Amino acid sequence: MLYSPNVMMLEKVSKALSDKNRLKIIQFLSSGQKNVSEVADRLNVEENLASHHLRVLASLGFLKNDKKGREVFYKINETKLIALIKDISKNAVFKDLLLKAMEEE
């Protein structure tokens, strides 16, 4: 079976966002940019694992990074996340899921 580029990207996105630690990272970064050490401390994991999760999210465009000296600070790329939500909401099933998720807050 051949996959279209959109299906392959959706597969990568869903895999990236299916990891609890990555969702926790996005939630943690919603309060502002953080460095790898802060993320590792928050997740209670080694820095190399936190760094891996951050790289995965950044490679998909969900995070931006800013290098200050030897430290790298990550923040949410709001434009990319908004575009993803808009794309997902074009599908009736996903739109209903999003609306239900927002109601639960």
Protein backbone atom coordinates (compact mmCIF):
# COMPACT_ATOMS: atom_id res chain seq x y z
CA MET A 1 0.00 0.00 0.00
CA LEU A 2 1.33 3.42 -0.96
CA TYR A 3 1.03 6.29 1.48
CA SER A 4 0.57 9.88 0.44
CA PRO A 5 2.89 12.47 1.97
CA ASN A 6 -0.03 13.78 4.06
CA VAL A 7 -0.75 10.34 5.51
CA MET A 8 2.93 9.80 6.29
CA MET A 9 3.12 13.18 8.05
CA LEU A 10 -0.06 12.46 10.00
CA GLU A 11 1.45 9.15 11.05
CA LYS A 12 4.61 10.90 12.32
CA VAL A 13 2.57 13.53 14.15
CA SER A 14 0.26 11.00 15.77
CA LYS A 15 3.25 8.90 16.86
CA ALA A 16 4.99 11.95 18.32
CA LEU A 17 1.90 13.12 20.18
CA SER A 18 0.96 9.67 21.44
CA ASP A 19 3.87 9.75 23.90
CA LYS A 20 2.81 10.99 27.35
CA ASN A 21 6.16 12.67 28.00
CA ARG A 22 5.89 14.69 24.79
CA LEU A 23 2.40 15.84 25.73
CA LYS A 24 3.72 16.80 29.17
CA ILE A 25 6.50 18.78 27.48
CA ILE A 26 4.02 20.73 25.36
CA GLN A 27 1.94 21.44 28.45
CA PHE A 28 5.03 22.48 30.45
CA LEU A 29 6.24 24.78 27.67
CA SER A 30 2.85 26.48 27.49
CA SER A 31 4.03 28.60 30.43
CA GLY A 32 7.14 29.79 28.57
CA GLN A 33 10.46 28.63 27.21
CA LYS A 34 12.53 26.14 29.18
CA ASN A 35 15.93 24.52 28.82
CA VAL A 36 16.61 20.79 28.63
CA SER A 37 17.50 20.56 32.33
CA GLU A 38 14.20 22.10 33.37
CA VAL A 39 12.26 19.72 31.12
CA ALA A 40 14.22 16.71 32.41
CA ASP A 41 13.55 17.75 36.01
CA ARG A 42 9.84 18.23 35.33
CA LEU A 43 9.55 14.81 33.64
CA ASN A 44 11.85 13.17 36.20
CA VAL A 45 13.99 11.67 33.41
CA GLU A 46 17.62 11.88 32.34
CA GLU A 47 18.57 14.92 30.25
CA ASN A 48 19.42 12.77 27.21
CA LEU A 49 15.87 11.35 27.16
CA ALA A 50 14.32 14.80 27.60
CA SER A 51 16.56 16.07 24.82
CA HIS A 52 15.40 13.24 22.54
CA HIS A 53 11.73 14.09 23.13
CA LEU A 54 12.42 17.78 22.51
CA ARG A 55 14.24 16.99 19.25
CA VAL A 56 11.33 14.85 18.03
CA LEU A 57 8.84 17.66 18.69
CA ALA A 58 11.17 20.26 17.17
CA SER A 59 11.77 18.15 14.04
CA LEU A 60 8.02 18.21 13.38
CA GLY A 61 7.98 21.96 13.86
CA PHE A 62 6.00 21.98 17.12
CA LEU A 63 8.86 23.59 19.04
CA LYS A 64 11.32 26.35 18.30
CA ASN A 65 14.69 26.48 19.97
CA ASP A 66 17.01 29.28 20.92
CA LYS A 67 20.64 28.58 21.75
CA LYS A 68 22.12 30.80 24.44
CA GLY A 69 25.74 29.87 24.96
CA ARG A 70 25.86 26.15 25.66
CA GLU A 71 22.20 25.93 26.64
CA VAL A 72 19.28 25.35 24.32
CA PHE A 73 15.89 26.78 25.27
CA TYR A 74 12.70 25.41 23.74
CA LYS A 75 9.34 27.08 23.26
CA ILE A 76 6.10 26.20 21.54
CA ASN A 77 5.74 27.06 17.88
CA GLU A 78 2.19 28.35 18.10
CA THR A 79 1.86 28.84 14.34
CA LYS A 80 2.56 25.16 13.65
CA LEU A 81 0.22 23.89 16.38
CA ILE A 82 -2.59 26.17 15.20
CA ALA A 83 -2.10 24.94 11.63
CA LEU A 84 -2.28 21.33 12.83
CA ILE A 85 -5.51 22.00 14.74
CA LYS A 86 -7.01 23.71 11.68
CA ASP A 87 -6.03 20.77 9.44
CA ILE A 88 -7.44 18.23 11.87
CA SER A 89 -10.66 20.18 12.33
CA LYS A 90 -11.39 19.88 8.59
CA ASN A 91 -12.14 16.20 9.21
CA ALA A 92 -15.63 15.81 10.74
CA VAL A 93 -14.63 12.98 13.11
CA PHE A 94 -11.56 14.81 14.41
CA LYS A 95 -13.52 18.05 14.67
CA ASP A 96 -16.06 16.35 16.94
CA LEU A 97 -13.23 14.91 19.05
CA LEU A 98 -11.62 18.33 19.40
CA LEU A 99 -14.90 19.92 20.43
CA LYS A 100 -15.49 17.21 23.04
CA ALA A 101 -11.96 17.63 24.36
CA MET A 102 -12.46 21.39 24.75
CA GLU A 103 -15.76 20.87 26.57
CA GLU A 104 -14.06 18.66 29.17
CA GLU A 105 -11.80 21.49 30.33
